[in-house]
Amino acid sequence: MSAANTAPLTDGAGHDEPELFSVRYRPHRSLDQRGFMVVMFIVAGISFICGLAFLMMGAWPVFGLFGLDVLAIWWAFRLNFRAARACEEITVTPSVIRLRHVAADGSEYREELNPLWTRLTHERIEDYGLQRLALEARGRPYVIGSFLHTAQREELAESLARALAEAKRGVARSAV
């Protein structure tokens, strides 16, 4: 998660607007494709050896069940990797908040909110920290950072609150 304060955007009137806050985040996965292949070879090897032992004892149906276990583990990892394709982007300028959410299946949702009429709401549970973070505009909450860890959600809330406060104060333009 990183905030940017560099690239100017153009507002509807053709003026360059500073980007007060910009972030793009994805669900974290600690296992990459290479690690996945290593894990699957280990699981398949152990299942094959154990299945072979049962086969030698005459319990041949168990050999096939060990293969089904490997298939089930492979399928669960594939679903996990598919879910990791999701991402969210938030950009705050003095005149607009742009939200972009891409689901794991590739479907995309975009929303533009007025920062003057948007507030940051959160749900905190004492023992577990910040559990829900949302931008609320026109009475509708837009949940953000749902797949982030609690500490990352806290960091996002602090940065976003600063950017919203700065957008509500307004940006001074220098006369050229």
N, C-alpha and C. Protein backbone atom coordinates (compact mmCIF):
# COMPACT_ATOMS: atom_id res chain seq x y z
N MET A 1 0.84 -1.15 0.00
CA MET A 1 0.00 0.00 0.00
C MET A 1 0.89 1.23 0.00
N SER A 2 0.68 2.11 -0.96
CA SER A 2 1.51 3.29 -1.03
C SER A 2 0.68 4.49 -1.42
N ALA A 3 0.99 5.62 -0.85
CA ALA A 3 0.29 6.85 -1.17
C ALA A 3 1.17 7.67 -2.09
N ALA A 4 0.55 8.28 -3.08
CA ALA A 4 1.29 9.12 -4.01
C ALA A 4 0.78 10.54 -3.90
N ASN A 5 1.65 11.49 -4.13
CA ASN A 5 1.28 12.89 -4.03
C ASN A 5 1.90 13.66 -5.19
N THR A 6 2.01 13.02 -6.35
CA THR A 6 2.79 13.63 -7.40
C THR A 6 2.00 13.94 -8.66
N ALA A 7 1.32 13.00 -9.22
CA ALA A 7 0.74 13.17 -10.55
C ALA A 7 -0.50 14.06 -10.52
N PRO A 8 -0.49 15.17 -11.26
CA PRO A 8 -1.67 16.01 -11.28
C PRO A 8 -2.74 15.42 -12.19
N LEU A 9 -3.98 15.56 -11.79
CA LEU A 9 -5.11 15.13 -12.59
C LEU A 9 -5.81 16.37 -13.11
N THR A 10 -6.56 16.24 -14.17
CA THR A 10 -7.29 17.37 -14.72
C THR A 10 -8.73 17.29 -14.27
N ASP A 11 -9.24 18.39 -13.69
CA ASP A 11 -10.64 18.41 -13.30
C ASP A 11 -11.50 18.79 -14.50
N GLY A 12 -12.79 18.87 -14.31
CA GLY A 12 -13.70 19.16 -15.40
C GLY A 12 -13.45 20.50 -16.06
N ALA A 13 -12.90 21.48 -15.35
CA ALA A 13 -12.67 22.81 -15.90
C ALA A 13 -11.33 22.92 -16.62
N GLY A 14 -10.57 21.84 -16.68
CA GLY A 14 -9.29 21.86 -17.38
C GLY A 14 -8.12 22.26 -16.51
N HIS A 15 -8.31 22.45 -15.21
CA HIS A 15 -7.23 22.79 -14.30
C HIS A 15 -6.53 21.52 -13.84
N ASP A 16 -5.25 21.64 -13.62
CA ASP A 16 -4.52 20.51 -13.05
C ASP A 16 -4.78 20.46 -11.55
N GLU A 17 -5.17 19.27 -11.09
CA GLU A 17 -5.44 19.08 -9.67
C GLU A 17 -4.37 18.19 -9.05
N PRO A 18 -3.91 18.54 -7.88
CA PRO A 18 -2.95 17.64 -7.22
C PRO A 18 -3.66 16.39 -6.71
N GLU A 19 -2.95 15.30 -6.76
CA GLU A 19 -3.47 14.05 -6.24
C GLU A 19 -3.10 14.01 -4.76
N LEU A 20 -4.10 14.10 -3.90
CA LEU A 20 -3.85 14.15 -2.46
C LEU A 20 -3.51 12.79 -1.89
N PHE A 21 -4.10 11.76 -2.49
CA PHE A 21 -3.89 10.40 -1.98
C PHE A 21 -4.22 9.44 -3.11
N SER A 22 -3.40 8.44 -3.26
CA SER A 22 -3.65 7.40 -4.25
C SER A 22 -3.10 6.09 -3.73
N VAL A 23 -3.91 5.06 -3.79
CA VAL A 23 -3.47 3.75 -3.30
C VAL A 23 -4.10 2.66 -4.15
N ARG A 24 -3.35 1.60 -4.33
CA ARG A 24 -3.86 0.40 -5.00
C ARG A 24 -3.41 -0.78 -4.15
N TYR A 25 -4.34 -1.63 -3.77
CA TYR A 25 -3.96 -2.77 -2.95
C TYR A 25 -4.66 -4.03 -3.42
N ARG A 26 -4.01 -5.14 -3.13
CA ARG A 26 -4.47 -6.48 -3.51
C ARG A 26 -4.41 -7.38 -2.29
N PRO A 27 -5.18 -8.46 -2.30
CA PRO A 27 -5.06 -9.43 -1.21
C PRO A 27 -3.66 -10.03 -1.19
N HIS A 28 -3.10 -10.19 -0.01
CA HIS A 28 -1.75 -10.73 0.12
C HIS A 28 -1.78 -12.25 0.03
N ARG A 29 -0.88 -12.78 -0.73
CA ARG A 29 -0.70 -14.23 -0.81
C ARG A 29 0.78 -14.50 -0.61
N SER A 30 1.11 -15.34 0.37
CA SER A 30 2.51 -15.60 0.67
C SER A 30 3.11 -16.70 -0.19
N LEU A 31 2.28 -17.43 -0.91
CA LEU A 31 2.77 -18.53 -1.73
C LEU A 31 2.68 -18.15 -3.20
N ASP A 32 3.80 -18.13 -3.90
CA ASP A 32 3.79 -17.82 -5.32
C ASP A 32 3.62 -19.11 -6.13
N GLN A 33 3.65 -19.01 -7.45
CA GLN A 33 3.44 -20.18 -8.31
C GLN A 33 4.53 -21.24 -8.12
N ARG A 34 5.75 -20.79 -7.95
CA ARG A 34 6.86 -21.75 -7.76
C ARG A 34 6.66 -22.52 -6.43
N GLY A 35 6.33 -21.79 -5.37
CA GLY A 35 6.06 -22.43 -4.09
C GLY A 35 4.88 -23.38 -4.16
N PHE A 36 3.86 -22.99 -4.93
CA PHE A 36 2.70 -23.85 -5.12
C PHE A 36 3.10 -25.17 -5.77
N MET A 37 3.95 -25.10 -6.79
CA MET A 37 4.40 -26.34 -7.46
C MET A 37 5.20 -27.22 -6.51
N VAL A 38 6.04 -26.62 -5.68
CA VAL A 38 6.82 -27.39 -4.71
C VAL A 38 5.89 -28.09 -3.72
N VAL A 39 4.93 -27.35 -3.19
CA VAL A 39 3.97 -27.93 -2.23
C VAL A 39 3.20 -29.06 -2.88
N MET A 40 2.75 -28.86 -4.13
CA MET A 40 1.96 -29.91 -4.79
C MET A 40 2.81 -31.15 -5.08
N PHE A 41 4.07 -30.98 -5.45
CA PHE A 41 4.94 -32.15 -5.66
C PHE A 41 5.15 -32.91 -4.36
N ILE A 42 5.32 -32.20 -3.26
CA ILE A 42 5.49 -32.86 -1.96
C ILE A 42 4.22 -33.60 -1.56
N VAL A 43 3.07 -32.93 -1.69
CA VAL A 43 1.80 -33.57 -1.33
C VAL A 43 1.54 -34.78 -2.22
N ALA A 44 1.77 -34.63 -3.52
CA ALA A 44 1.56 -35.75 -4.44
C ALA A 44 2.52 -36.91 -4.14
N GLY A 45 3.76 -36.59 -3.82
CA GLY A 45 4.73 -37.64 -3.50
C GLY A 45 4.36 -38.41 -2.25
N ILE A 46 3.98 -37.68 -1.20
CA ILE A 46 3.57 -38.33 0.05
C ILE A 46 2.32 -39.17 -0.17
N SER A 47 1.34 -38.62 -0.91
CA SER A 47 0.11 -39.37 -1.18
C SER A 47 0.40 -40.63 -2.00
N PHE A 48 1.29 -40.50 -2.98
CA PHE A 48 1.62 -41.66 -3.80
C PHE A 48 2.29 -42.75 -2.98
N ILE A 49 3.24 -42.38 -2.12
CA ILE A 49 3.94 -43.37 -1.29
C ILE A 49 2.97 -44.04 -0.31
N CYS A 50 2.13 -43.22 0.35
CA CYS A 50 1.16 -43.80 1.29
C CYS A 50 0.14 -44.67 0.55
N GLY A 51 -0.31 -44.20 -0.61
CA GLY A 51 -1.25 -44.98 -1.40
C GLY A 51 -0.64 -46.29 -1.87
N LEU A 52 0.63 -46.25 -2.22
CA LEU A 52 1.34 -47.45 -2.65
C LEU A 52 1.43 -48.47 -1.50
N ALA A 53 1.64 -47.95 -0.29
CA ALA A 53 1.70 -48.84 0.88
C ALA A 53 0.35 -49.55 1.08
N PHE A 54 -0.73 -48.79 0.96
CA PHE A 54 -2.06 -49.41 1.08
C PHE A 54 -2.33 -50.37 -0.06
N LEU A 55 -1.86 -50.04 -1.24
CA LEU A 55 -2.04 -50.91 -2.40
C LEU A 55 -1.34 -52.25 -2.17
N MET A 56 -0.15 -52.20 -1.58
CA MET A 56 0.60 -53.43 -1.31
C MET A 56 -0.06 -54.26 -0.21
N MET A 57 -0.82 -53.58 0.68
CA MET A 57 -1.53 -54.33 1.73
C MET A 57 -2.85 -54.90 1.22
N GLY A 58 -3.23 -54.56 -0.01
CA GLY A 58 -4.45 -55.09 -0.59
C GLY A 58 -5.63 -54.14 -0.50
N ALA A 59 -5.42 -52.98 0.04
CA ALA A 59 -6.50 -52.00 0.14
C ALA A 59 -6.41 -51.05 -1.05
N TRP A 60 -6.64 -51.59 -2.26
CA TRP A 60 -6.44 -50.82 -3.47
C TRP A 60 -7.36 -49.60 -3.60
N PRO A 61 -8.59 -49.57 -3.04
CA PRO A 61 -9.41 -48.35 -3.20
C PRO A 61 -8.80 -47.12 -2.51
N VAL A 62 -7.99 -47.36 -1.47
CA VAL A 62 -7.38 -46.24 -0.75
C VAL A 62 -6.41 -45.49 -1.65
N PHE A 63 -5.76 -46.21 -2.57
CA PHE A 63 -4.82 -45.58 -3.50
C PHE A 63 -5.51 -44.46 -4.29
N GLY A 64 -6.71 -44.71 -4.76
CA GLY A 64 -7.48 -43.71 -5.50
C GLY A 64 -7.93 -42.55 -4.63
N LEU A 65 -8.26 -42.85 -3.37
CA LEU A 65 -8.68 -41.79 -2.46
C LEU A 65 -7.54 -40.82 -2.17
N PHE A 66 -6.32 -41.34 -2.12
CA PHE A 66 -5.18 -40.45 -1.93
C PHE A 66 -5.03 -39.52 -3.14
N GLY A 67 -5.35 -40.00 -4.31
CA GLY A 67 -5.32 -39.15 -5.50
C GLY A 67 -6.39 -38.07 -5.44
N LEU A 68 -7.55 -38.41 -4.88
CA LEU A 68 -8.61 -37.41 -4.73
C LEU A 68 -8.21 -36.31 -3.75
N ASP A 69 -7.48 -36.68 -2.72
CA ASP A 69 -6.98 -35.68 -1.77
C ASP A 69 -6.07 -34.68 -2.45
N VAL A 70 -5.17 -35.19 -3.30
CA VAL A 70 -4.27 -34.30 -4.02
C VAL A 70 -5.07 -33.37 -4.93
N LEU A 71 -6.06 -33.91 -5.59
CA LEU A 71 -6.90 -33.11 -6.47
C LEU A 71 -7.66 -32.03 -5.68
N ALA A 72 -8.17 -32.38 -4.52
CA ALA A 72 -8.89 -31.41 -3.69
C ALA A 72 -7.97 -30.29 -3.21
N ILE A 73 -6.75 -30.61 -2.82
CA ILE A 73 -5.78 -29.59 -2.39
C ILE A 73 -5.41 -28.69 -3.56
N TRP A 74 -5.20 -29.27 -4.74
CA TRP A 74 -4.88 -28.47 -5.92
C TRP A 74 -6.03 -27.51 -6.23
N TRP A 75 -7.26 -27.99 -6.18
CA TRP A 75 -8.44 -27.17 -6.48
C TRP A 75 -8.57 -26.01 -5.47
N ALA A 76 -8.32 -26.29 -4.18
CA ALA A 76 -8.40 -25.24 -3.15
C ALA A 76 -7.35 -24.15 -3.39
N PHE A 77 -6.14 -24.53 -3.76
CA PHE A 77 -5.11 -23.54 -4.07
C PHE A 77 -5.48 -22.73 -5.31
N ARG A 78 -6.05 -23.38 -6.31
CA ARG A 78 -6.46 -22.66 -7.52
C ARG A 78 -7.51 -21.60 -7.18
N LEU A 79 -8.47 -21.94 -6.34
CA LEU A 79 -9.48 -20.97 -5.91
C LEU A 79 -8.85 -19.81 -5.14
N ASN A 80 -7.86 -20.13 -4.31
CA ASN A 80 -7.16 -19.10 -3.55
C ASN A 80 -6.42 -18.15 -4.49
N PHE A 81 -5.73 -18.69 -5.49
CA PHE A 81 -5.02 -17.84 -6.45
C PHE A 81 -5.99 -17.01 -7.27
N ARG A 82 -7.15 -17.56 -7.57
CA ARG A 82 -8.15 -16.80 -8.33
C ARG A 82 -8.65 -15.62 -7.50
N ALA A 83 -8.88 -15.83 -6.22
CA ALA A 83 -9.35 -14.75 -5.34
C ALA A 83 -8.30 -13.65 -5.19
N ALA A 84 -7.05 -13.98 -5.40
CA ALA A 84 -5.97 -13.00 -5.26
C ALA A 84 -5.92 -12.01 -6.42
N ARG A 85 -6.71 -12.24 -7.46
CA ARG A 85 -6.73 -11.31 -8.60
C ARG A 85 -7.53 -10.05 -8.31
N ALA A 86 -8.24 -10.00 -7.21
CA ALA A 86 -9.02 -8.82 -6.86
C ALA A 86 -8.10 -7.67 -6.49
N CYS A 87 -8.56 -6.44 -6.71
CA CYS A 87 -7.81 -5.27 -6.28
C CYS A 87 -8.75 -4.10 -6.10
N GLU A 88 -8.29 -3.12 -5.33
CA GLU A 88 -9.03 -1.89 -5.11
C GLU A 88 -8.09 -0.71 -5.31
N GLU A 89 -8.63 0.36 -5.87
CA GLU A 89 -7.87 1.59 -6.06
C GLU A 89 -8.69 2.74 -5.50
N ILE A 90 -8.02 3.64 -4.81
CA ILE A 90 -8.67 4.84 -4.28
C ILE A 90 -7.78 6.02 -4.64
N THR A 91 -8.37 7.06 -5.24
CA THR A 91 -7.66 8.28 -5.57
C THR A 91 -8.46 9.46 -5.04
N VAL A 92 -7.78 10.33 -4.31
CA VAL A 92 -8.44 11.51 -3.75
C VAL A 92 -7.79 12.75 -4.32
N THR A 93 -8.61 13.62 -4.90
CA THR A 93 -8.19 14.95 -5.34
C THR A 93 -9.09 15.95 -4.63
N PRO A 94 -8.82 17.24 -4.73
CA PRO A 94 -9.68 18.21 -4.05
C PRO A 94 -11.14 18.19 -4.51
N SER A 95 -11.42 17.71 -5.73
CA SER A 95 -12.79 17.75 -6.22
C SER A 95 -13.46 16.39 -6.38
N VAL A 96 -12.72 15.30 -6.29
CA VAL A 96 -13.34 13.99 -6.52
C VAL A 96 -12.57 12.88 -5.79
N ILE A 97 -13.33 11.88 -5.36
CA ILE A 97 -12.75 10.63 -4.84
C ILE A 97 -13.13 9.56 -5.85
N ARG A 98 -12.15 8.90 -6.40
CA ARG A 98 -12.41 7.84 -7.37
C ARG A 98 -12.15 6.48 -6.71
N LEU A 99 -13.16 5.64 -6.75
CA LEU A 99 -13.06 4.28 -6.23
C LEU A 99 -13.12 3.33 -7.42
N ARG A 100 -12.27 2.34 -7.41
CA ARG A 100 -12.29 1.30 -8.44
C ARG A 100 -12.05 -0.03 -7.75
N HIS A 101 -12.98 -0.94 -7.95
CA HIS A 101 -12.88 -2.27 -7.36
C HIS A 101 -12.96 -3.30 -8.49
N VAL A 102 -11.95 -4.16 -8.55
CA VAL A 102 -11.94 -5.24 -9.53
C VAL A 102 -12.10 -6.54 -8.76
N ALA A 103 -13.16 -7.28 -9.06
CA ALA A 103 -13.42 -8.55 -8.38
C ALA A 103 -12.51 -9.64 -8.94
N ALA A 104 -12.48 -10.76 -8.27
CA ALA A 104 -11.62 -11.88 -8.69
C ALA A 104 -12.00 -12.40 -10.07
N ASP A 105 -13.27 -12.28 -10.44
CA ASP A 105 -13.70 -12.77 -11.75
C ASP A 105 -13.45 -11.75 -12.87
N GLY A 106 -12.88 -10.58 -12.52
CA GLY A 106 -12.56 -9.58 -13.53
C GLY A 106 -13.60 -8.49 -13.68
N SER A 107 -14.75 -8.64 -13.05
CA SER A 107 -15.76 -7.59 -13.14
C SER A 107 -15.28 -6.36 -12.39
N GLU A 108 -15.62 -5.19 -12.92
CA GLU A 108 -15.11 -3.95 -12.39
C GLU A 108 -16.25 -3.03 -11.95
N TYR A 109 -16.02 -2.33 -10.85
CA TYR A 109 -16.99 -1.37 -10.33
C TYR A 109 -16.27 -0.06 -10.07
N ARG A 110 -16.81 1.03 -10.60
CA ARG A 110 -16.21 2.35 -10.41
C ARG A 110 -17.24 3.29 -9.80
N GLU A 111 -16.74 4.20 -8.99
CA GLU A 111 -17.61 5.20 -8.37
C GLU A 111 -16.81 6.48 -8.18
N GLU A 112 -17.45 7.61 -8.38
CA GLU A 112 -16.83 8.90 -8.11
C GLU A 112 -17.68 9.62 -7.07
N LEU A 113 -17.02 10.09 -6.01
CA LEU A 113 -17.70 10.74 -4.90
C LEU A 113 -17.15 12.15 -4.72
N ASN A 114 -17.98 13.03 -4.21
CA ASN A 114 -17.56 14.39 -3.89
C ASN A 114 -16.93 14.37 -2.49
N PRO A 115 -15.67 14.78 -2.34
CA PRO A 115 -15.02 14.71 -1.03
C PRO A 115 -15.66 15.62 0.02
N LEU A 116 -16.35 16.66 -0.41
CA LEU A 116 -17.00 17.56 0.54
C LEU A 116 -18.21 16.90 1.20
N TRP A 117 -18.81 15.93 0.54
CA TRP A 117 -20.01 15.27 1.05
C TRP A 117 -19.74 13.81 1.42
N THR A 118 -18.49 13.47 1.56
CA THR A 118 -18.12 12.09 1.88
C THR A 118 -17.45 12.05 3.24
N ARG A 119 -17.82 11.06 4.02
CA ARG A 119 -17.15 10.89 5.31
C ARG A 119 -16.65 9.46 5.43
N LEU A 120 -15.62 9.32 6.24
CA LEU A 120 -15.00 8.03 6.48
C LEU A 120 -15.62 7.43 7.73
N THR A 121 -16.23 6.27 7.60
CA THR A 121 -16.82 5.60 8.76
C THR A 121 -16.08 4.30 9.01
N HIS A 122 -16.06 3.90 10.25
CA HIS A 122 -15.38 2.66 10.59
C HIS A 122 -16.09 1.97 11.75
N GLU A 123 -15.90 0.68 11.80
CA GLU A 123 -16.44 -0.15 12.87
C GLU A 123 -15.26 -0.80 13.57
N ARG A 124 -15.12 -0.49 14.84
CA ARG A 124 -13.99 -0.99 15.61
C ARG A 124 -14.51 -1.92 16.71
N ILE A 125 -13.91 -3.07 16.83
CA ILE A 125 -14.20 -4.00 17.92
C ILE A 125 -13.00 -3.96 18.85
N GLU A 126 -13.26 -3.73 20.12
CA GLU A 126 -12.19 -3.48 21.08
C GLU A 126 -11.09 -4.54 21.05
N ASP A 127 -11.47 -5.79 21.04
CA ASP A 127 -10.47 -6.87 21.10
C ASP A 127 -9.79 -7.15 19.76
N TYR A 128 -10.43 -6.73 18.65
CA TYR A 128 -9.91 -7.12 17.34
C TYR A 128 -9.47 -5.94 16.48
N GLY A 129 -9.72 -4.72 16.88
CA GLY A 129 -9.30 -3.55 16.11
C GLY A 129 -10.31 -3.15 15.06
N LEU A 130 -9.84 -2.45 14.05
CA LEU A 130 -10.68 -1.92 12.98
C LEU A 130 -11.15 -3.06 12.08
N GLN A 131 -12.46 -3.30 12.06
CA GLN A 131 -13.00 -4.43 11.31
C GLN A 131 -13.65 -4.02 9.99
N ARG A 132 -14.18 -2.81 9.92
CA ARG A 132 -14.89 -2.37 8.71
C ARG A 132 -14.58 -0.91 8.46
N LEU A 133 -14.24 -0.60 7.23
CA LEU A 133 -13.91 0.75 6.83
C LEU A 133 -14.75 1.08 5.61
N ALA A 134 -15.38 2.27 5.61
CA ALA A 134 -16.24 2.64 4.48
C ALA A 134 -16.19 4.13 4.24
N LEU A 135 -16.36 4.50 3.00
CA LEU A 135 -16.60 5.88 2.62
C LEU A 135 -18.10 6.01 2.44
N GLU A 136 -18.70 6.98 3.10
CA GLU A 136 -20.15 7.12 3.04
C GLU A 136 -20.51 8.43 2.37
N ALA A 137 -21.30 8.34 1.29
CA ALA A 137 -21.76 9.51 0.56
C ALA A 137 -23.22 9.30 0.18
N ARG A 138 -24.02 10.33 0.33
CA ARG A 138 -25.45 10.28 0.02
C ARG A 138 -26.15 9.14 0.76
N GLY A 139 -25.71 8.87 1.97
CA GLY A 139 -26.32 7.82 2.78
C GLY A 139 -25.95 6.41 2.38
N ARG A 140 -25.06 6.26 1.43
CA ARG A 140 -24.66 4.92 0.97
C ARG A 140 -23.22 4.65 1.35
N PRO A 141 -22.97 3.56 2.06
CA PRO A 141 -21.58 3.22 2.40
C PRO A 141 -20.91 2.44 1.26
N TYR A 142 -19.65 2.78 0.98
CA TYR A 142 -18.82 2.07 0.03
C TYR A 142 -17.70 1.42 0.83
N VAL A 143 -17.82 0.13 1.09
CA VAL A 143 -16.85 -0.58 1.93
C VAL A 143 -15.53 -0.69 1.17
N ILE A 144 -14.45 -0.35 1.86
CA ILE A 144 -13.11 -0.40 1.26
C ILE A 144 -12.18 -1.20 2.17
N GLY A 145 -11.15 -1.77 1.58
CA GLY A 145 -10.13 -2.49 2.34
C GLY A 145 -10.64 -3.73 3.04
N SER A 146 -11.65 -4.37 2.48
CA SER A 146 -12.24 -5.53 3.16
C SER A 146 -11.30 -6.71 3.27
N PHE A 147 -10.34 -6.84 2.34
CA PHE A 147 -9.42 -7.98 2.40
C PHE A 147 -8.08 -7.63 3.01
N LEU A 148 -7.97 -6.43 3.59
CA LEU A 148 -6.73 -6.05 4.24
C LEU A 148 -6.67 -6.57 5.67
N HIS A 149 -5.47 -6.73 6.17
CA HIS A 149 -5.25 -7.08 7.57
C HIS A 149 -5.62 -5.88 8.43
N THR A 150 -5.93 -6.09 9.70
CA THR A 150 -6.37 -5.02 10.59
C THR A 150 -5.37 -3.87 10.65
N ALA A 151 -4.09 -4.16 10.76
CA ALA A 151 -3.07 -3.10 10.82
C ALA A 151 -3.03 -2.31 9.52
N GLN A 152 -3.17 -2.98 8.39
CA GLN A 152 -3.17 -2.30 7.10
C GLN A 152 -4.43 -1.44 6.96
N ARG A 153 -5.54 -1.95 7.47
CA ARG A 153 -6.79 -1.18 7.43
C ARG A 153 -6.67 0.08 8.28
N GLU A 154 -5.98 -0.02 9.42
CA GLU A 154 -5.75 1.15 10.28
C GLU A 154 -4.91 2.19 9.54
N GLU A 155 -3.86 1.73 8.87
CA GLU A 155 -2.98 2.63 8.11
C GLU A 155 -3.76 3.31 6.98
N LEU A 156 -4.60 2.55 6.28
CA LEU A 156 -5.42 3.11 5.22
C LEU A 156 -6.38 4.16 5.77
N ALA A 157 -6.99 3.88 6.91
CA ALA A 157 -7.94 4.81 7.52
C ALA A 157 -7.26 6.13 7.89
N GLU A 158 -6.07 6.05 8.47
CA GLU A 158 -5.34 7.27 8.85
C GLU A 158 -4.96 8.10 7.63
N SER A 159 -4.42 7.46 6.61
CA SER A 159 -4.01 8.17 5.40
C SER A 159 -5.20 8.78 4.67
N LEU A 160 -6.27 8.02 4.59
CA LEU A 160 -7.47 8.49 3.91
C LEU A 160 -8.14 9.63 4.67
N ALA A 161 -8.13 9.56 6.00
CA ALA A 161 -8.69 10.65 6.81
C ALA A 161 -7.91 11.94 6.59
N ARG A 162 -6.58 11.85 6.53
CA ARG A 162 -5.76 13.04 6.26
C ARG A 162 -6.06 13.61 4.89
N ALA A 163 -6.18 12.75 3.88
CA ALA A 163 -6.45 13.21 2.52
C ALA A 163 -7.84 13.85 2.42
N LEU A 164 -8.83 13.27 3.08
CA LEU A 164 -10.18 13.85 3.06
C LEU A 164 -10.19 15.21 3.76
N ALA A 165 -9.49 15.31 4.87
CA ALA A 165 -9.42 16.59 5.58
C ALA A 165 -8.76 17.65 4.70
N GLU A 166 -7.71 17.27 4.00
CA GLU A 166 -7.02 18.21 3.12
C GLU A 166 -7.91 18.61 1.94
N ALA A 167 -8.67 17.65 1.41
CA ALA A 167 -9.58 17.97 0.30
C ALA A 167 -10.68 18.91 0.78
N LYS A 168 -11.16 18.74 2.00
CA LYS A 168 -12.23 19.60 2.52
C LYS A 168 -11.72 20.99 2.84
N ARG A 169 -10.44 21.11 3.20
CA ARG A 169 -9.83 22.43 3.43
C ARG A 169 -9.66 23.17 2.12
N GLY A 170 -9.44 22.43 1.06
CA GLY A 170 -9.22 23.04 -0.24
C GLY A 170 -7.74 23.20 -0.52
N VAL A 171 -7.41 23.29 -1.78
CA VAL A 171 -6.03 23.44 -2.20
C VAL A 171 -5.85 24.83 -2.74
N ALA A 172 -4.87 25.53 -2.23
CA ALA A 172 -4.59 26.89 -2.69
C ALA A 172 -3.90 26.82 -4.05
N ARG A 173 -4.44 27.54 -5.00
CA ARG A 173 -3.83 27.59 -6.34
C ARG A 173 -3.03 28.87 -6.44
N SER A 174 -1.87 28.76 -7.02
CA SER A 174 -1.03 29.95 -7.17
C SER A 174 -1.36 30.63 -8.51
N ALA A 175 -1.42 31.94 -8.49
CA ALA A 175 -1.71 32.69 -9.72
C ALA A 175 -0.43 32.79 -10.54
N VAL A 176 -0.54 32.52 -11.82
CA VAL A 176 0.63 32.54 -12.70
C VAL A 176 0.70 33.85 -13.42
